[in-house]
Full PDB file with SEQRES, HELIX, SHEET, SSBOND, CRYST1, ORIGX, SCALE, CONECT and MASTER records, all heavy atoms in Angstrom:
SEQRES   1 A   33  LEU ARG THR MET LYS ILE LEU GLN ALA LEU LYS VAL PRO          
SEQRES   2 A   33  ASP ASP PRO ASP VAL LEU ALA TRP ASP PRO SER TRP ARG          
SEQRES   3 A   33  ARG LEU TYR VAL ALA SER GLU                                  
SHEET    1 AA1 2 PRO A  16  ASP A  22  0                                        
SHEET    2 AA1 2 ARG A  27  SER A  32 -1                                        
CRYST1    1.000    1.000    1.000  90.00  90.00  90.00 P 1           1          
ORIGX1      1.000000  0.000000  0.000000        0.00000                         
ORIGX2      0.000000  1.000000  0.000000        0.00000                         
ORIGX3      0.000000  0.000000  1.000000        0.00000                         
SCALE1      1.000000  0.000000  0.000000        0.00000                         
SCALE2      0.000000  1.000000  0.000000        0.00000                         
SCALE3      0.000000  0.000000  1.000000        0.00000                         
ATOM      1  N   LEU A   1       0.843  -1.225   0.005  1.00  0.00           N  
ATOM      2  CA  LEU A   1      -0.005   0.035   0.029  1.00  0.00           C  
ATOM      3  C   LEU A   1       0.858   1.233  -0.047  1.00  0.00           C  
ATOM      4  O   LEU A   1       0.322   2.367  -0.015  1.00  0.00           O  
ATOM      5  CB  LEU A   1      -0.938  -0.048   1.221  1.00  0.00           C  
ATOM      6  CG  LEU A   1      -1.994  -1.194   1.176  1.00  0.00           C  
ATOM      7  CD1 LEU A   1      -2.793  -1.104   2.481  1.00  0.00           C  
ATOM      8  CD2 LEU A   1      -2.820  -1.169  -0.015  1.00  0.00           C  
ATOM      9  N   ARG A   2       2.197   1.122   0.057  1.00  0.00           N  
ATOM     10  CA  ARG A   2       3.070   2.265  -0.103  1.00  0.00           C  
ATOM     11  C   ARG A   2       3.248   2.656  -1.615  1.00  0.00           C  
ATOM     12  O   ARG A   2       3.397   3.781  -1.919  1.00  0.00           O  
ATOM     13  CB  ARG A   2       4.473   2.012   0.565  1.00  0.00           C  
ATOM     14  CG  ARG A   2       4.416   1.761   2.045  1.00  0.00           C  
ATOM     15  CD  ARG A   2       5.762   1.490   2.515  1.00  0.00           C  
ATOM     16  NE  ARG A   2       5.881   1.259   3.947  1.00  0.00           N  
ATOM     17  CZ  ARG A   2       5.557   0.164   4.594  1.00  0.00           C  
ATOM     18  NH1 ARG A   2       5.173  -0.994   3.858  1.00  0.00           N  
ATOM     19  NH2 ARG A   2       5.699   0.040   5.870  1.00  0.00           N  
ATOM     20  N   THR A   3       3.307   1.518  -2.405  1.00  0.00           N  
ATOM     21  CA  THR A   3       3.615   1.779  -3.829  1.00  0.00           C  
ATOM     22  C   THR A   3       2.576   1.270  -4.729  1.00  0.00           C  
ATOM     23  O   THR A   3       2.627   1.568  -5.935  1.00  0.00           O  
ATOM     24  CB  THR A   3       4.885   0.999  -4.198  1.00  0.00           C  
ATOM     25  OG1 THR A   3       4.639  -0.436  -4.023  1.00  0.00           O  
ATOM     26  CG2 THR A   3       6.090   1.394  -3.280  1.00  0.00           C  
ATOM     27  N   MET A   4       1.579   0.533  -4.216  1.00  0.00           N  
ATOM     28  CA  MET A   4       0.428  -0.038  -4.915  1.00  0.00           C  
ATOM     29  C   MET A   4       0.944  -1.050  -5.992  1.00  0.00           C  
ATOM     30  O   MET A   4       0.352  -1.300  -6.966  1.00  0.00           O  
ATOM     31  CB  MET A   4      -0.475   0.983  -5.653  1.00  0.00           C  
ATOM     32  CG  MET A   4      -1.033   1.985  -4.617  1.00  0.00           C  
ATOM     33  SD  MET A   4      -1.759   1.171  -3.117  1.00  0.00           S  
ATOM     34  CE  MET A   4      -3.083   0.272  -3.781  1.00  0.00           C  
ATOM     35  N   LYS A   5       2.104  -1.639  -5.706  1.00  0.00           N  
ATOM     36  CA  LYS A   5       2.639  -2.765  -6.498  1.00  0.00           C  
ATOM     37  C   LYS A   5       2.364  -4.078  -5.801  1.00  0.00           C  
ATOM     38  O   LYS A   5       2.276  -4.234  -4.600  1.00  0.00           O  
ATOM     39  CB  LYS A   5       4.185  -2.572  -6.633  1.00  0.00           C  
ATOM     40  CG  LYS A   5       4.649  -1.264  -7.180  1.00  0.00           C  
ATOM     41  CD  LYS A   5       4.214  -1.150  -8.645  1.00  0.00           C  
ATOM     42  CE  LYS A   5       4.804   0.169  -9.260  1.00  0.00           C  
ATOM     43  NZ  LYS A   5       4.397   0.349 -10.654  1.00  0.00           N  
ATOM     44  N   ILE A   6       2.169  -5.113  -6.687  1.00  0.00           N  
ATOM     45  CA  ILE A   6       1.897  -6.482  -6.220  1.00  0.00           C  
ATOM     46  C   ILE A   6       3.248  -7.160  -5.894  1.00  0.00           C  
ATOM     47  O   ILE A   6       4.145  -7.268  -6.785  1.00  0.00           O  
ATOM     48  CB  ILE A   6       1.143  -7.260  -7.214  1.00  0.00           C  
ATOM     49  CG1 ILE A   6      -0.189  -6.631  -7.435  1.00  0.00           C  
ATOM     50  CG2 ILE A   6       1.069  -8.740  -6.898  1.00  0.00           C  
ATOM     51  CD1 ILE A   6      -1.059  -7.258  -8.557  1.00  0.00           C  
ATOM     52  N   LEU A   7       3.414  -7.448  -4.591  1.00  0.00           N  
ATOM     53  CA  LEU A   7       4.645  -8.068  -4.172  1.00  0.00           C  
ATOM     54  C   LEU A   7       4.759  -9.527  -4.353  1.00  0.00           C  
ATOM     55  O   LEU A   7       5.810 -10.133  -4.450  1.00  0.00           O  
ATOM     56  CB  LEU A   7       4.885  -7.721  -2.589  1.00  0.00           C  
ATOM     57  CG  LEU A   7       4.912  -6.276  -2.257  1.00  0.00           C  
ATOM     58  CD1 LEU A   7       5.110  -6.177  -0.722  1.00  0.00           C  
ATOM     59  CD2 LEU A   7       6.037  -5.574  -2.938  1.00  0.00           C  
ATOM     60  N   GLN A   8       3.595 -10.206  -4.364  1.00  0.00           N  
ATOM     61  CA  GLN A   8       3.631 -11.651  -4.321  1.00  0.00           C  
ATOM     62  C   GLN A   8       2.232 -12.093  -4.888  1.00  0.00           C  
ATOM     63  O   GLN A   8       1.195 -11.485  -4.631  1.00  0.00           O  
ATOM     64  CB  GLN A   8       3.824 -12.119  -2.963  1.00  0.00           C  
ATOM     65  CG  GLN A   8       4.099 -13.651  -2.774  1.00  0.00           C  
ATOM     66  CD  GLN A   8       4.318 -13.983  -1.325  1.00  0.00           C  
ATOM     67  OE1 GLN A   8       4.252 -13.183  -0.417  1.00  0.00           O  
ATOM     68  NE2 GLN A   8       4.645 -15.209  -1.120  1.00  0.00           N  
ATOM     69  N   ALA A   9       2.244 -13.231  -5.541  1.00  0.00           N  
ATOM     70  CA  ALA A   9       0.983 -13.881  -6.029  1.00  0.00           C  
ATOM     71  C   ALA A   9       1.112 -15.397  -5.786  1.00  0.00           C  
ATOM     72  O   ALA A   9       2.111 -16.036  -6.079  1.00  0.00           O  
ATOM     73  CB  ALA A   9       0.730 -13.627  -7.458  1.00  0.00           C  
ATOM     74  N   LEU A  10       0.097 -15.888  -5.018  1.00  0.00           N  
ATOM     75  CA  LEU A  10       0.048 -17.283  -4.610  1.00  0.00           C  
ATOM     76  C   LEU A  10      -1.226 -17.980  -5.092  1.00  0.00           C  
ATOM     77  O   LEU A  10      -2.330 -17.329  -4.985  1.00  0.00           O  
ATOM     78  CB  LEU A  10       0.218 -17.425  -3.117  1.00  0.00           C  
ATOM     79  CG  LEU A  10       1.424 -16.852  -2.449  1.00  0.00           C  
ATOM     80  CD1 LEU A  10       1.204 -16.338  -1.126  1.00  0.00           C  
ATOM     81  CD2 LEU A  10       2.508 -17.955  -2.423  1.00  0.00           C  
ATOM     82  N   LYS A  11      -1.180 -19.211  -5.440  1.00  0.00           N  
ATOM     83  CA  LYS A  11      -2.369 -19.944  -5.720  1.00  0.00           C  
ATOM     84  C   LYS A  11      -3.013 -20.490  -4.407  1.00  0.00           C  
ATOM     85  O   LYS A  11      -2.308 -20.853  -3.466  1.00  0.00           O  
ATOM     86  CB  LYS A  11      -2.062 -21.175  -6.619  1.00  0.00           C  
ATOM     87  CG  LYS A  11      -1.727 -20.824  -8.074  1.00  0.00           C  
ATOM     88  CD  LYS A  11      -2.917 -20.237  -8.786  1.00  0.00           C  
ATOM     89  CE  LYS A  11      -3.960 -21.279  -9.039  1.00  0.00           C  
ATOM     90  NZ  LYS A  11      -5.133 -20.645  -9.792  1.00  0.00           N  
ATOM     91  N   VAL A  12      -4.295 -20.331  -4.415  1.00  0.00           N  
ATOM     92  CA  VAL A  12      -5.071 -20.826  -3.198  1.00  0.00           C  
ATOM     93  C   VAL A  12      -6.163 -21.755  -3.743  1.00  0.00           C  
ATOM     94  O   VAL A  12      -6.371 -21.797  -4.957  1.00  0.00           O  
ATOM     95  CB  VAL A  12      -5.687 -19.712  -2.328  1.00  0.00           C  
ATOM     96  CG1 VAL A  12      -4.579 -18.905  -1.639  1.00  0.00           C  
ATOM     97  CG2 VAL A  12      -6.521 -18.750  -3.243  1.00  0.00           C  
ATOM     98  N   PRO A  13      -6.796 -22.544  -2.876  1.00  0.00           N  
ATOM     99  CA  PRO A  13      -7.975 -23.356  -3.355  1.00  0.00           C  
ATOM    100  C   PRO A  13      -8.968 -22.593  -4.088  1.00  0.00           C  
ATOM    101  O   PRO A  13      -9.142 -21.422  -3.926  1.00  0.00           O  
ATOM    102  CB  PRO A  13      -8.463 -23.956  -1.983  1.00  0.00           C  
ATOM    103  CG  PRO A  13      -7.298 -24.058  -1.193  1.00  0.00           C  
ATOM    104  CD  PRO A  13      -6.567 -22.752  -1.424  1.00  0.00           C  
ATOM    105  N   ASP A  14      -9.657 -23.258  -5.051  1.00  0.00           N  
ATOM    106  CA  ASP A  14     -10.567 -22.726  -5.910  1.00  0.00           C  
ATOM    107  C   ASP A  14     -11.709 -21.897  -5.170  1.00  0.00           C  
ATOM    108  O   ASP A  14     -12.127 -22.254  -4.111  1.00  0.00           O  
ATOM    109  CB  ASP A  14     -11.336 -23.714  -6.872  1.00  0.00           C  
ATOM    110  CG  ASP A  14     -10.335 -24.299  -7.830  1.00  0.00           C  
ATOM    111  OD1 ASP A  14      -9.277 -23.712  -8.086  1.00  0.00           O  
ATOM    112  OD2 ASP A  14     -10.720 -25.369  -8.451  1.00  0.00           O  
ATOM    113  N   ASP A  15     -12.090 -20.789  -5.794  1.00  0.00           N  
ATOM    114  CA  ASP A  15     -13.207 -19.970  -5.301  1.00  0.00           C  
ATOM    115  C   ASP A  15     -12.972 -19.341  -3.846  1.00  0.00           C  
ATOM    116  O   ASP A  15     -13.776 -19.553  -3.021  1.00  0.00           O  
ATOM    117  CB  ASP A  15     -14.523 -20.710  -5.364  1.00  0.00           C  
ATOM    118  CG  ASP A  15     -14.987 -21.083  -6.771  1.00  0.00           C  
ATOM    119  OD1 ASP A  15     -14.800 -20.280  -7.665  1.00  0.00           O  
ATOM    120  OD2 ASP A  15     -15.408 -22.288  -6.880  1.00  0.00           O  
ATOM    121  N   PRO A  16     -11.870 -18.718  -3.651  1.00  0.00           N  
ATOM    122  CA  PRO A  16     -11.567 -18.084  -2.371  1.00  0.00           C  
ATOM    123  C   PRO A  16     -12.686 -17.110  -2.023  1.00  0.00           C  
ATOM    124  O   PRO A  16     -13.133 -16.356  -2.931  1.00  0.00           O  
ATOM    125  CB  PRO A  16     -10.254 -17.442  -2.491  1.00  0.00           C  
ATOM    126  CG  PRO A  16     -10.085 -17.198  -3.940  1.00  0.00           C  
ATOM    127  CD  PRO A  16     -10.744 -18.326  -4.647  1.00  0.00           C  
ATOM    128  N   ASP A  17     -13.052 -16.973  -0.753  1.00  0.00           N  
ATOM    129  CA  ASP A  17     -14.213 -16.161  -0.453  1.00  0.00           C  
ATOM    130  C   ASP A  17     -13.850 -15.236   0.731  1.00  0.00           C  
ATOM    131  O   ASP A  17     -13.576 -14.060   0.576  1.00  0.00           O  
ATOM    132  CB  ASP A  17     -15.421 -17.019  -0.009  1.00  0.00           C  
ATOM    133  CG  ASP A  17     -16.710 -16.216   0.143  1.00  0.00           C  
ATOM    134  OD1 ASP A  17     -16.656 -14.975  -0.109  1.00  0.00           O  
ATOM    135  OD2 ASP A  17     -17.698 -16.782   0.419  1.00  0.00           O  
ATOM    136  N   VAL A  18     -13.744 -15.781   1.977  1.00  0.00           N  
ATOM    137  CA  VAL A  18     -13.564 -14.963   3.223  1.00  0.00           C  
ATOM    138  C   VAL A  18     -12.098 -15.081   3.633  1.00  0.00           C  
ATOM    139  O   VAL A  18     -11.560 -16.172   3.665  1.00  0.00           O  
ATOM    140  CB  VAL A  18     -14.585 -15.272   4.240  1.00  0.00           C  
ATOM    141  CG1 VAL A  18     -14.310 -14.410   5.545  1.00  0.00           C  
ATOM    142  CG2 VAL A  18     -15.968 -15.174   3.763  1.00  0.00           C  
ATOM    143  N   LEU A  19     -11.501 -13.907   4.081  1.00  0.00           N  
ATOM    144  CA  LEU A  19     -10.163 -13.902   4.648  1.00  0.00           C  
ATOM    145  C   LEU A  19     -10.205 -13.381   6.116  1.00  0.00           C  
ATOM    146  O   LEU A  19     -11.099 -12.571   6.412  1.00  0.00           O  
ATOM    147  CB  LEU A  19      -9.238 -13.016   3.817  1.00  0.00           C  
ATOM    148  CG  LEU A  19      -8.855 -13.368   2.446  1.00  0.00           C  
ATOM    149  CD1 LEU A  19     -10.030 -12.898   1.526  1.00  0.00           C  
ATOM    150  CD2 LEU A  19      -7.564 -12.804   1.962  1.00  0.00           C  
ATOM    151  N   ALA A  20      -9.335 -13.927   6.926  1.00  0.00           N  
ATOM    152  CA  ALA A  20      -9.160 -13.479   8.302  1.00  0.00           C  
ATOM    153  C   ALA A  20      -7.708 -13.224   8.580  1.00  0.00           C  
ATOM    154  O   ALA A  20      -6.854 -14.096   8.286  1.00  0.00           O  
ATOM    155  CB  ALA A  20      -9.813 -14.409   9.246  1.00  0.00           C  
ATOM    156  N   TRP A  21      -7.362 -12.178   9.333  1.00  0.00           N  
ATOM    157  CA  TRP A  21      -6.051 -11.754   9.673  1.00  0.00           C  
ATOM    158  C   TRP A  21      -5.859 -11.612  11.142  1.00  0.00           C  
ATOM    159  O   TRP A  21      -6.579 -10.966  11.778  1.00  0.00           O  
ATOM    160  CB  TRP A  21      -5.658 -10.382   8.959  1.00  0.00           C  
ATOM    161  CG  TRP A  21      -4.413  -9.725   9.345  1.00  0.00           C  
ATOM    162  CD1 TRP A  21      -4.280  -8.534   9.915  1.00  0.00           C  
ATOM    163  CD2 TRP A  21      -3.138 -10.177   9.119  1.00  0.00           C  
ATOM    164  NE1 TRP A  21      -2.942  -8.205  10.121  1.00  0.00           N  
ATOM    165  CE2 TRP A  21      -2.211  -9.173   9.557  1.00  0.00           C  
ATOM    166  CE3 TRP A  21      -2.592 -11.361   8.491  1.00  0.00           C  
ATOM    167  CZ2 TRP A  21      -0.844  -9.374   9.499  1.00  0.00           C  
ATOM    168  CZ3 TRP A  21      -1.173 -11.468   8.416  1.00  0.00           C  
ATOM    169  CH2 TRP A  21      -0.343 -10.509   8.909  1.00  0.00           C  
ATOM    170  N   ASP A  22      -4.841 -12.323  11.626  1.00  0.00           N  
ATOM    171  CA  ASP A  22      -4.445 -12.260  12.988  1.00  0.00           C  
ATOM    172  C   ASP A  22      -3.204 -11.387  13.165  1.00  0.00           C  
ATOM    173  O   ASP A  22      -2.002 -11.789  12.799  1.00  0.00           O  
ATOM    174  CB  ASP A  22      -4.195 -13.687  13.549  1.00  0.00           C  
ATOM    175  CG  ASP A  22      -3.841 -13.733  15.050  1.00  0.00           C  
ATOM    176  OD1 ASP A  22      -3.471 -12.629  15.586  1.00  0.00           O  
ATOM    177  OD2 ASP A  22      -3.879 -14.765  15.627  1.00  0.00           O  
ATOM    178  N   PRO A  23      -3.331 -10.153  13.527  1.00  0.00           N  
ATOM    179  CA  PRO A  23      -2.245  -9.183  13.412  1.00  0.00           C  
ATOM    180  C   PRO A  23      -1.037  -9.489  14.327  1.00  0.00           C  
ATOM    181  O   PRO A  23       0.152  -9.268  13.863  1.00  0.00           O  
ATOM    182  CB  PRO A  23      -2.869  -7.863  13.798  1.00  0.00           C  
ATOM    183  CG  PRO A  23      -4.087  -8.226  14.551  1.00  0.00           C  
ATOM    184  CD  PRO A  23      -4.550  -9.521  14.091  1.00  0.00           C  
ATOM    185  N   SER A  24      -1.232  -9.951  15.532  1.00  0.00           N  
ATOM    186  CA  SER A  24      -0.125 -10.141  16.390  1.00  0.00           C  
ATOM    187  C   SER A  24       0.675 -11.452  16.116  1.00  0.00           C  
ATOM    188  O   SER A  24       1.891 -11.538  16.302  1.00  0.00           O  
ATOM    189  CB  SER A  24      -0.539 -10.180  17.877  1.00  0.00           C  
ATOM    190  OG  SER A  24      -1.566 -11.141  18.115  1.00  0.00           O  
ATOM    191  N   TRP A  25      -0.047 -12.473  15.633  1.00  0.00           N  
ATOM    192  CA  TRP A  25       0.655 -13.718  15.262  1.00  0.00           C  
ATOM    193  C   TRP A  25       0.987 -13.718  13.792  1.00  0.00           C  
ATOM    194  O   TRP A  25       1.579 -14.719  13.385  1.00  0.00           O  
ATOM    195  CB  TRP A  25      -0.253 -14.948  15.601  1.00  0.00           C  
ATOM    196  CG  TRP A  25      -0.117 -15.337  17.025  1.00  0.00           C  
ATOM    197  CD1 TRP A  25       0.415 -14.577  17.956  1.00  0.00           C  
ATOM    198  CD2 TRP A  25      -0.424 -16.640  17.564  1.00  0.00           C  
ATOM    199  NE1 TRP A  25       0.441 -15.296  19.176  1.00  0.00           N  
ATOM    200  CE2 TRP A  25      -0.128 -16.581  18.940  1.00  0.00           C  
ATOM    201  CE3 TRP A  25      -0.955 -17.779  17.060  1.00  0.00           C  
ATOM    202  CZ2 TRP A  25      -0.263 -17.613  19.831  1.00  0.00           C  
ATOM    203  CZ3 TRP A  25      -1.161 -18.899  17.887  1.00  0.00           C  
ATOM    204  CH2 TRP A  25      -0.806 -18.777  19.257  1.00  0.00           C  
ATOM    205  N   ARG A  26       0.678 -12.650  13.085  1.00  0.00           N  
ATOM    206  CA  ARG A  26       1.019 -12.572  11.610  1.00  0.00           C  
ATOM    207  C   ARG A  26       0.539 -13.756  10.843  1.00  0.00           C  
ATOM    208  O   ARG A  26       1.199 -14.217   9.919  1.00  0.00           O  
ATOM    209  CB  ARG A  26       2.571 -12.351  11.448  1.00  0.00           C  
ATOM    210  CG  ARG A  26       3.173 -11.467  12.488  1.00  0.00           C  
ATOM    211  CD  ARG A  26       2.715 -10.104  12.407  1.00  0.00           C  
ATOM    212  NE  ARG A  26       3.250  -9.411  11.218  1.00  0.00           N  
ATOM    213  CZ  ARG A  26       2.700  -8.252  10.725  1.00  0.00           C  
ATOM    214  NH1 ARG A  26       1.711  -7.715  11.345  1.00  0.00           N  
ATOM    215  NH2 ARG A  26       3.234  -7.664   9.709  1.00  0.00           N  
ATOM    216  N   ARG A  27      -0.711 -14.141  11.089  1.00  0.00           N  
ATOM    217  CA  ARG A  27      -1.227 -15.315  10.340  1.00  0.00           C  
ATOM    218  C   ARG A  27      -2.423 -14.834   9.508  1.00  0.00           C  
ATOM    219  O   ARG A  27      -3.226 -13.993   9.887  1.00  0.00           O  
ATOM    220  CB  ARG A  27      -1.853 -16.361  11.295  1.00  0.00           C  
ATOM    221  CG  ARG A  27      -0.808 -16.835  12.439  1.00  0.00           C  
ATOM    222  CD  ARG A  27       0.193 -17.785  11.888  1.00  0.00           C  
ATOM    223  NE  ARG A  27       0.964 -18.260  12.950  1.00  0.00           N  
ATOM    224  CZ  ARG A  27       0.838 -19.407  13.591  1.00  0.00           C  
ATOM    225  NH1 ARG A  27      -0.181 -20.175  13.379  1.00  0.00           N  
ATOM    226  NH2 ARG A  27       1.671 -19.694  14.626  1.00  0.00           N  
ATOM    227  N   LEU A  28      -2.482 -15.351   8.248  1.00  0.00           N  
ATOM    228  CA  LEU A  28      -3.566 -15.078   7.318  1.00  0.00           C  
ATOM    229  C   LEU A  28      -4.226 -16.392   7.049  1.00  0.00           C  
ATOM    230  O   LEU A  28      -3.641 -17.446   6.788  1.00  0.00           O  
ATOM    231  CB  LEU A  28      -3.083 -14.503   6.083  1.00  0.00           C  
ATOM    232  CG  LEU A  28      -4.114 -14.206   5.038  1.00  0.00           C  
ATOM    233  CD1 LEU A  28      -4.998 -13.008   5.424  1.00  0.00           C  
ATOM    234  CD2 LEU A  28      -3.439 -13.847   3.659  1.00  0.00           C  
ATOM    235  N   TYR A  29      -5.651 -16.320   7.096  1.00  0.00           N  
ATOM    236  CA  TYR A  29      -6.403 -17.509   6.724  1.00  0.00           C  
ATOM    237  C   TYR A  29      -7.357 -17.136   5.573  1.00  0.00           C  
ATOM    238  O   TYR A  29      -7.925 -16.108   5.531  1.00  0.00           O  
ATOM    239  CB  TYR A  29      -7.294 -17.914   7.883  1.00  0.00           C  
ATOM    240  CG  TYR A  29      -6.424 -18.205   9.151  1.00  0.00           C  
ATOM    241  CD1 TYR A  29      -6.241 -17.258  10.125  1.00  0.00           C  
ATOM    242  CD2 TYR A  29      -5.822 -19.465   9.337  1.00  0.00           C  
ATOM    243  CE1 TYR A  29      -5.470 -17.533  11.314  1.00  0.00           C  
ATOM    244  CE2 TYR A  29      -5.075 -19.725  10.397  1.00  0.00           C  
ATOM    245  CZ  TYR A  29      -4.914 -18.820  11.384  1.00  0.00           C  
ATOM    246  OH  TYR A  29      -4.043 -18.992  12.509  1.00  0.00           O  
ATOM    247  N   VAL A  30      -7.377 -18.024   4.589  1.00  0.00           N  
ATOM    248  CA  VAL A  30      -8.154 -17.858   3.365  1.00  0.00           C  
ATOM    249  C   VAL A  30      -9.082 -19.080   3.243  1.00  0.00           C  
ATOM    250  O   VAL A  30      -8.649 -20.164   3.092  1.00  0.00           O  
ATOM    251  CB  VAL A  30      -7.319 -17.771   2.106  1.00  0.00           C  
ATOM    252  CG1 VAL A  30      -8.171 -17.609   0.902  1.00  0.00           C  
ATOM    253  CG2 VAL A  30      -6.385 -16.606   2.189  1.00  0.00           C  
ATOM    254  N   ALA A  31     -10.438 -18.777   3.416  1.00  0.00           N  
ATOM    255  CA  ALA A  31     -11.474 -19.844   3.287  1.00  0.00           C  
ATOM    256  C   ALA A  31     -12.024 -19.795   1.890  1.00  0.00           C  
ATOM    257  O   ALA A  31     -12.337 -18.766   1.307  1.00  0.00           O  
ATOM    258  CB  ALA A  31     -12.524 -19.643   4.339  1.00  0.00           C  
ATOM    259  N   SER A  32     -12.223 -20.989   1.280  1.00  0.00           N  
ATOM    260  CA  SER A  32     -12.740 -21.131  -0.155  1.00  0.00           C  
ATOM    261  C   SER A  32     -14.072 -21.928  -0.232  1.00  0.00           C  
ATOM    262  O   SER A  32     -14.226 -22.874   0.519  1.00  0.00           O  
ATOM    263  CB  SER A  32     -11.598 -21.822  -0.925  1.00  0.00           C  
ATOM    264  OG  SER A  32     -10.382 -21.062  -0.954  1.00  0.00           O  
ATOM    265  N   GLU A  33     -14.762 -21.561  -1.210  1.00  0.00           N  
ATOM    266  CA  GLU A  33     -15.971 -22.207  -1.503  1.00  0.00           C  
ATOM    267  C   GLU A  33     -15.750 -23.663  -1.878  1.00  0.00           C  
ATOM    268  O   GLU A  33     -16.655 -24.535  -1.633  1.00  0.00           O  
ATOM    269  CB  GLU A  33     -16.702 -21.583  -2.750  1.00  0.00           C  
ATOM    270  CG  GLU A  33     -17.113 -20.123  -2.512  1.00  0.00           C  
ATOM    271  CD  GLU A  33     -18.486 -20.008  -1.859  1.00  0.00           C  
ATOM    272  OE1 GLU A  33     -19.028 -21.017  -1.521  1.00  0.00           O  
ATOM    273  OE2 GLU A  33     -18.911 -18.902  -1.725  1.00  0.00           O  
TER     274      GLU A  33                                                      
MASTER        0    0    0    0    2    0    0    6  273    1    0    3          
END                                                                             
């Protein structure tokens, strides 16, 4: 968000829907249809 450049692109399971971020443990969860 400093440069609006894409730093990384990763494949996730098909039809990703909801994401959840745990800021202190630096964990990201991606739930998919």
